[in-house]
Amino acid sequence: MDFLEETYFYHIFNRGNNQQSIFLDNDNYLHFLKLVKKHILPVADIYSYCLLGNHFHFLVRINDECKKNPSQSFSNLFNSYSKAFNKRHNRIGSLFQRPFKRKRIIEEDYLRQLIIYIHLNPENHGIVNDFELYPYSSYASMLSNKPTNLKRTEVIELFGNKENFIFMHRKKPHNLSEFDDLQT
């Protein structure tokens, strides 16, 4: 399925071509998020995300009555970031695997588990010992009172309240492999 349909939730993910790094420094992460704001927020609400060295995950809901093609918006994001990354790091060629992966989410329980999976990713990949301290995920923003473009209220409501959101993440479900389609 190539077309991202209005009103549906999607797990959007991809990794670097040949599993190479797509984020080499803090500026890369920040620039990617700036481009997400520019290209994705007009077409989708963001429920969670995590950016890792060689891949990323987003949970989005495509806006009702979307005026732009959401798939094209994601393509524009990846092309824009690739051009900036290549220029900054003096490289040429494709940065991301193509096409980007997307999985439509229908069940609410799966949606909750996916949010946890996305936030636990840095710990599951051995990047950090404590996922709560990882700076390039939406986890800390969900617990913050600072303004955000994320659907914080909706995410917390999926878990009942902030305390249960934290509890369910710290519980660390063991069977998260079903979400890691990047292994295939």
C-alpha atoms as a PDB file:
ATOM      1  CA  MET A   1       0.000   0.000   0.000  1.00  0.00           C
ATOM      2  CA  ASP A   2       1.659   3.224  -1.148  1.00  0.00           C
ATOM      3  CA  PHE A   3      -1.077   5.714  -0.408  1.00  0.00           C
ATOM      4  CA  LEU A   4      -1.455   7.077   3.119  1.00  0.00           C
ATOM      5  CA  GLU A   5      -5.179   7.433   3.771  1.00  0.00           C
ATOM      6  CA  GLU A   6      -6.827  10.245   5.703  1.00  0.00           C
ATOM      7  CA  THR A   7      -7.859   9.626   9.334  1.00  0.00           C
ATOM      8  CA  TYR A   8      -5.705   6.482   9.725  1.00  0.00           C
ATOM      9  CA  PHE A   9      -2.755   5.948  12.044  1.00  0.00           C
ATOM     10  CA  TYR A  10       0.522   4.812  10.495  1.00  0.00           C
ATOM     11  CA  HIS A  11       3.826   3.563  11.773  1.00  0.00           C
ATOM     12  CA  ILE A  12       6.309   5.277   9.443  1.00  0.00           C
ATOM     13  CA  PHE A  13       9.893   4.073   9.559  1.00  0.00           C
ATOM     14  CA  ASN A  14      13.021   3.795   7.507  1.00  0.00           C
ATOM     15  CA  ARG A  15      16.751   3.402   7.839  1.00  0.00           C
ATOM     16  CA  GLY A  16      19.888   4.505   6.100  1.00  0.00           C
ATOM     17  CA  ASN A  17      20.809   2.942   2.799  1.00  0.00           C
ATOM     18  CA  ASN A  18      23.006  -0.098   3.531  1.00  0.00           C
ATOM     19  CA  GLN A  19      22.128   0.517   7.205  1.00  0.00           C
ATOM     20  CA  GLN A  20      24.478   3.513   7.260  1.00  0.00           C
ATOM     21  CA  SER A  21      24.064   6.349   9.748  1.00  0.00           C
ATOM     22  CA  ILE A  22      21.568   9.038   8.836  1.00  0.00           C
ATOM     23  CA  PHE A  23      22.284  11.183  11.900  1.00  0.00           C
ATOM     24  CA  LEU A  24      25.930  11.928  12.676  1.00  0.00           C
ATOM     25  CA  ASP A  25      25.598  14.786  15.151  1.00  0.00           C
ATOM     26  CA  ASN A  26      23.121  16.823  17.173  1.00  0.00           C
ATOM     27  CA  ASP A  27      22.609  19.280  14.309  1.00  0.00           C
ATOM     28  CA  ASN A  28      21.466  16.440  12.037  1.00  0.00           C
ATOM     29  CA  TYR A  29      18.795  15.360  14.518  1.00  0.00           C
ATOM     30  CA  LEU A  30      17.594  18.927  15.028  1.00  0.00           C
ATOM     31  CA  HIS A  31      17.522  19.691  11.319  1.00  0.00           C
ATOM     32  CA  PHE A  32      15.501  16.540  10.622  1.00  0.00           C
ATOM     33  CA  LEU A  33      12.948  17.535  13.278  1.00  0.00           C
ATOM     34  CA  LYS A  34      12.773  21.052  11.807  1.00  0.00           C
ATOM     35  CA  LEU A  35      11.993  19.518   8.406  1.00  0.00           C
ATOM     36  CA  VAL A  36       9.385  17.220   9.991  1.00  0.00           C
ATOM     37  CA  LYS A  37       7.636  20.325  11.304  1.00  0.00           C
ATOM     38  CA  LYS A  38       7.719  21.904   7.838  1.00  0.00           C
ATOM     39  CA  HIS A  39       6.700  18.888   5.735  1.00  0.00           C
ATOM     40  CA  ILE A  40       4.724  16.536   7.995  1.00  0.00           C
ATOM     41  CA  LEU A  41       2.724  18.690  10.405  1.00  0.00           C
ATOM     42  CA  PRO A  42       0.614  20.146   7.568  1.00  0.00           C
ATOM     43  CA  VAL A  43      -0.551  16.622   6.631  1.00  0.00           C
ATOM     44  CA  ALA A  44      -0.361  14.551   9.822  1.00  0.00           C
ATOM     45  CA  ASP A  45      -0.511  14.666  13.602  1.00  0.00           C
ATOM     46  CA  ILE A  46       2.511  13.168  15.348  1.00  0.00           C
ATOM     47  CA  TYR A  47       1.811  10.842  18.269  1.00  0.00           C
ATOM     48  CA  SER A  48       5.338   9.599  18.925  1.00  0.00           C
ATOM     49  CA  TYR A  49       8.755   9.408  17.340  1.00  0.00           C
ATOM     50  CA  CYS A  50      12.291   8.250  17.887  1.00  0.00           C
ATOM     51  CA  LEU A  51      15.359   9.119  15.827  1.00  0.00           C
ATOM     52  CA  LEU A  52      18.313   6.750  16.102  1.00  0.00           C
ATOM     53  CA  GLY A  53      21.696   6.734  14.409  1.00  0.00           C
ATOM     54  CA  ASN A  54      20.718   4.720  11.358  1.00  0.00           C
ATOM     55  CA  HIS A  55      16.901   4.687  11.464  1.00  0.00           C
ATOM     56  CA  PHE A  56      13.786   6.394  12.751  1.00  0.00           C
ATOM     57  CA  HIS A  57      10.195   5.672  13.765  1.00  0.00           C
ATOM     58  CA  PHE A  58       7.110   7.892  13.695  1.00  0.00           C
ATOM     59  CA  LEU A  59       3.548   7.201  14.726  1.00  0.00           C
ATOM     60  CA  VAL A  60       1.306   9.603  12.840  1.00  0.00           C
ATOM     61  CA  ARG A  61      -2.356  10.083  12.083  1.00  0.00           C
ATOM     62  CA  ILE A  62      -3.065  11.505   8.641  1.00  0.00           C
ATOM     63  CA  ASN A  63      -5.225  14.628   8.894  1.00  0.00           C
ATOM     64  CA  ASP A  64      -8.874  14.644   7.873  1.00  0.00           C
ATOM     65  CA  GLU A  65      -9.454  16.339   4.526  1.00  0.00           C
ATOM     66  CA  CYS A  66      -5.738  16.516   3.868  1.00  0.00           C
ATOM     67  CA  LYS A  67      -5.027  19.101   1.164  1.00  0.00           C
ATOM     68  CA  LYS A  68      -1.665  17.603   0.157  1.00  0.00           C
ATOM     69  CA  ASN A  69      -0.598  14.077  -0.707  1.00  0.00           C
ATOM     70  CA  PRO A  70       0.839  12.743   2.598  1.00  0.00           C
ATOM     71  CA  SER A  71       3.129  10.250   0.819  1.00  0.00           C
ATOM     72  CA  GLN A  72       4.580  13.109  -1.221  1.00  0.00           C
ATOM     73  CA  SER A  73       5.085  15.152   1.953  1.00  0.00           C
ATOM     74  CA  PHE A  74       7.136  12.330   3.479  1.00  0.00           C
ATOM     75  CA  SER A  75       9.096  12.010   0.245  1.00  0.00           C
ATOM     76  CA  ASN A  76       9.765  15.764   0.319  1.00  0.00           C
ATOM     77  CA  LEU A  77      10.998  15.458   3.909  1.00  0.00           C
ATOM     78  CA  PHE A  78      13.418  12.656   3.046  1.00  0.00           C
ATOM     79  CA  ASN A  79      14.671  14.364  -0.115  1.00  0.00           C
ATOM     80  CA  SER A  80      15.169  17.687   1.632  1.00  0.00           C
ATOM     81  CA  TYR A  81      17.011  16.089   4.540  1.00  0.00           C
ATOM     82  CA  SER A  82      19.157  13.943   2.221  1.00  0.00           C
ATOM     83  CA  LYS A  83      20.267  16.977   0.229  1.00  0.00           C
ATOM     84  CA  ALA A  84      21.197  18.897   3.386  1.00  0.00           C
ATOM     85  CA  PHE A  85      22.941  15.863   4.929  1.00  0.00           C
ATOM     86  CA  ASN A  86      24.914  15.155   1.749  1.00  0.00           C
ATOM     87  CA  LYS A  87      25.992  18.780   1.416  1.00  0.00           C
ATOM     88  CA  ARG A  88      27.013  19.066   5.056  1.00  0.00           C
ATOM     89  CA  HIS A  89      28.930  15.787   5.114  1.00  0.00           C
ATOM     90  CA  ASN A  90      30.370  16.099   1.607  1.00  0.00           C
ATOM     91  CA  ARG A  91      28.778  12.942   0.253  1.00  0.00           C
ATOM     92  CA  ILE A  92      26.665  11.929  -2.723  1.00  0.00           C
ATOM     93  CA  GLY A  93      24.031   9.308  -3.353  1.00  0.00           C
ATOM     94  CA  SER A  94      20.941   7.934  -1.701  1.00  0.00           C
ATOM     95  CA  LEU A  95      20.752   8.315   2.071  1.00  0.00           C
ATOM     96  CA  PHE A  96      17.568   6.321   2.821  1.00  0.00           C
ATOM     97  CA  GLN A  97      16.312   2.938   1.763  1.00  0.00           C
ATOM     98  CA  ARG A  98      13.409   3.248  -0.641  1.00  0.00           C
ATOM     99  CA  PRO A  99      10.516   3.194  -0.355  1.00  0.00           C
ATOM    100  CA  PHE A 100       9.966   4.269   3.231  1.00  0.00           C
ATOM    101  CA  LYS A 101       8.014   1.727   5.254  1.00  0.00           C
ATOM    102  CA  ARG A 102       4.492   2.358   6.493  1.00  0.00           C
ATOM    103  CA  LYS A 103       2.094   0.181   8.411  1.00  0.00           C
ATOM    104  CA  ARG A 104      -1.521   1.151   9.011  1.00  0.00           C
ATOM    105  CA  ILE A 105      -2.625   0.789  12.641  1.00  0.00           C
ATOM    106  CA  ILE A 106      -6.226  -0.082  13.361  1.00  0.00           C
ATOM    107  CA  GLU A 107      -6.355  -1.571  16.877  1.00  0.00           C
ATOM    108  CA  GLU A 108      -6.040   0.728  19.902  1.00  0.00           C
ATOM    109  CA  ASP A 109      -4.089  -1.834  21.952  1.00  0.00           C
ATOM    110  CA  TYR A 110      -1.566  -2.165  19.128  1.00  0.00           C
ATOM    111  CA  LEU A 111      -1.363   1.623  19.003  1.00  0.00           C
ATOM    112  CA  ARG A 112      -0.424   1.782  22.705  1.00  0.00           C
ATOM    113  CA  GLN A 113       2.142  -1.001  22.323  1.00  0.00           C
ATOM    114  CA  LEU A 114       3.652   0.759  19.319  1.00  0.00           C
ATOM    115  CA  ILE A 115       4.096   3.992  21.274  1.00  0.00           C
ATOM    116  CA  ILE A 116       5.967   2.035  23.946  1.00  0.00           C
ATOM    117  CA  TYR A 117       8.032   0.212  21.322  1.00  0.00           C
ATOM    118  CA  ILE A 118       9.034   3.503  19.664  1.00  0.00           C
ATOM    119  CA  HIS A 119      10.102   5.044  22.979  1.00  0.00           C
ATOM    120  CA  LEU A 120      12.025   1.939  24.107  1.00  0.00           C
ATOM    121  CA  ASN A 121      13.959   1.711  20.841  1.00  0.00           C
ATOM    122  CA  PRO A 122      17.170   3.441  22.021  1.00  0.00           C
ATOM    123  CA  GLU A 123      17.438   1.050  24.969  1.00  0.00           C
ATOM    124  CA  ASN A 124      16.480  -2.013  22.913  1.00  0.00           C
ATOM    125  CA  HIS A 125      19.259  -1.195  20.429  1.00  0.00           C
ATOM    126  CA  GLY A 126      21.821  -0.657  23.208  1.00  0.00           C
ATOM    127  CA  ILE A 127      22.277   3.040  22.449  1.00  0.00           C
ATOM    128  CA  VAL A 128      21.438   4.058  26.025  1.00  0.00           C
ATOM    129  CA  ASN A 129      20.885   2.200  29.275  1.00  0.00           C
ATOM    130  CA  ASP A 130      17.761   4.204  30.097  1.00  0.00           C
ATOM    131  CA  PHE A 131      15.306   5.112  27.316  1.00  0.00           C
ATOM    132  CA  GLU A 132      13.882   7.907  29.501  1.00  0.00           C
ATOM    133  CA  LEU A 133      17.116   9.891  29.099  1.00  0.00           C
ATOM    134  CA  TYR A 134      17.359   9.598  25.314  1.00  0.00           C
ATOM    135  CA  PRO A 135      17.132  13.109  23.809  1.00  0.00           C
ATOM    136  CA  TYR A 136      15.809  12.260  20.326  1.00  0.00           C
ATOM    137  CA  SER A 137      12.462  10.690  21.141  1.00  0.00           C
ATOM    138  CA  SER A 138       9.066  12.047  22.067  1.00  0.00           C
ATOM    139  CA  TYR A 139       9.047  10.360  25.496  1.00  0.00           C
ATOM    140  CA  ALA A 140      10.280  13.355  27.528  1.00  0.00           C
ATOM    141  CA  SER A 141       7.978  15.717  25.618  1.00  0.00           C
ATOM    142  CA  MET A 142       5.005  13.573  26.616  1.00  0.00           C
ATOM    143  CA  LEU A 143       5.813  14.191  30.284  1.00  0.00           C
ATOM    144  CA  SER A 144       6.704  17.860  29.908  1.00  0.00           C
ATOM    145  CA  ASN A 145       4.457  20.878  30.330  1.00  0.00           C
ATOM    146  CA  LYS A 146       6.307  22.810  27.613  1.00  0.00           C
ATOM    147  CA  PRO A 147       4.468  23.594  24.364  1.00  0.00           C
ATOM    148  CA  THR A 148       4.727  20.839  21.764  1.00  0.00           C
ATOM    149  CA  ASN A 149       3.524  19.984  18.275  1.00  0.00           C
ATOM    150  CA  LEU A 150       2.972  16.393  19.420  1.00  0.00           C
ATOM    151  CA  LYS A 151      -0.478  15.042  20.277  1.00  0.00           C
ATOM    152  CA  ARG A 152       0.520  14.810  23.947  1.00  0.00           C
ATOM    153  CA  THR A 153      -2.974  14.934  25.445  1.00  0.00           C
ATOM    154  CA  GLU A 154      -4.262  12.234  23.100  1.00  0.00           C
ATOM    155  CA  VAL A 155      -1.293   9.954  23.798  1.00  0.00           C
ATOM    156  CA  ILE A 156      -1.600  10.304  27.573  1.00  0.00           C
ATOM    157  CA  GLU A 157      -5.354   9.640  27.291  1.00  0.00           C
ATOM    158  CA  LEU A 158      -4.603   6.367  25.447  1.00  0.00           C
ATOM    159  CA  PHE A 159      -2.878   5.241  28.664  1.00  0.00           C
ATOM    160  CA  GLY A 160      -5.480   6.713  31.004  1.00  0.00           C
ATOM    161  CA  ASN A 161      -3.140   9.197  32.686  1.00  0.00           C
ATOM    162  CA  LYS A 162       0.515  10.242  32.966  1.00  0.00           C
ATOM    163  CA  GLU A 163       1.247   7.813  35.790  1.00  0.00           C
ATOM    164  CA  ASN A 164       0.003   4.840  33.775  1.00  0.00           C
ATOM    165  CA  PHE A 165       1.888   6.091  30.693  1.00  0.00           C
ATOM    166  CA  ILE A 166       5.103   5.997  32.744  1.00  0.00           C
ATOM    167  CA  PHE A 167       4.225   2.669  34.379  1.00  0.00           C
ATOM    168  CA  MET A 168       3.490   0.939  31.064  1.00  0.00           C
ATOM    169  CA  HIS A 169       6.775   2.161  29.589  1.00  0.00           C
ATOM    170  CA  ARG A 170       8.823   1.086  32.612  1.00  0.00           C
ATOM    171  CA  LYS A 171       7.110  -2.318  32.561  1.00  0.00           C
ATOM    172  CA  LYS A 172       9.021  -2.921  29.297  1.00  0.00           C
ATOM    173  CA  PRO A 173       7.006  -5.558  27.472  1.00  0.00           C
ATOM    174  CA  HIS A 174       9.159  -8.434  26.296  1.00  0.00           C
ATOM    175  CA  ASN A 175       7.499  -9.221  22.960  1.00  0.00           C
ATOM    176  CA  LEU A 176       8.197  -6.109  20.947  1.00  0.00           C
ATOM    177  CA  SER A 177       9.830  -7.919  18.019  1.00  0.00           C
ATOM    178  CA  GLU A 178       6.578  -7.850  16.033  1.00  0.00           C
ATOM    179  CA  PHE A 179       7.039  -4.098  15.631  1.00  0.00           C
ATOM    180  CA  ASP A 180      10.618  -4.201  14.405  1.00  0.00           C
ATOM    181  CA  ASP A 181      10.016  -4.551  10.694  1.00  0.00           C
ATOM    182  CA  LEU A 182      13.421  -2.976  10.094  1.00  0.00           C
ATOM    183  CA  GLN A 183      14.976  -6.378  10.773  1.00  0.00           C
ATOM    184  CA  THR A 184      13.508  -7.752   7.554  1.00  0.00           C
END
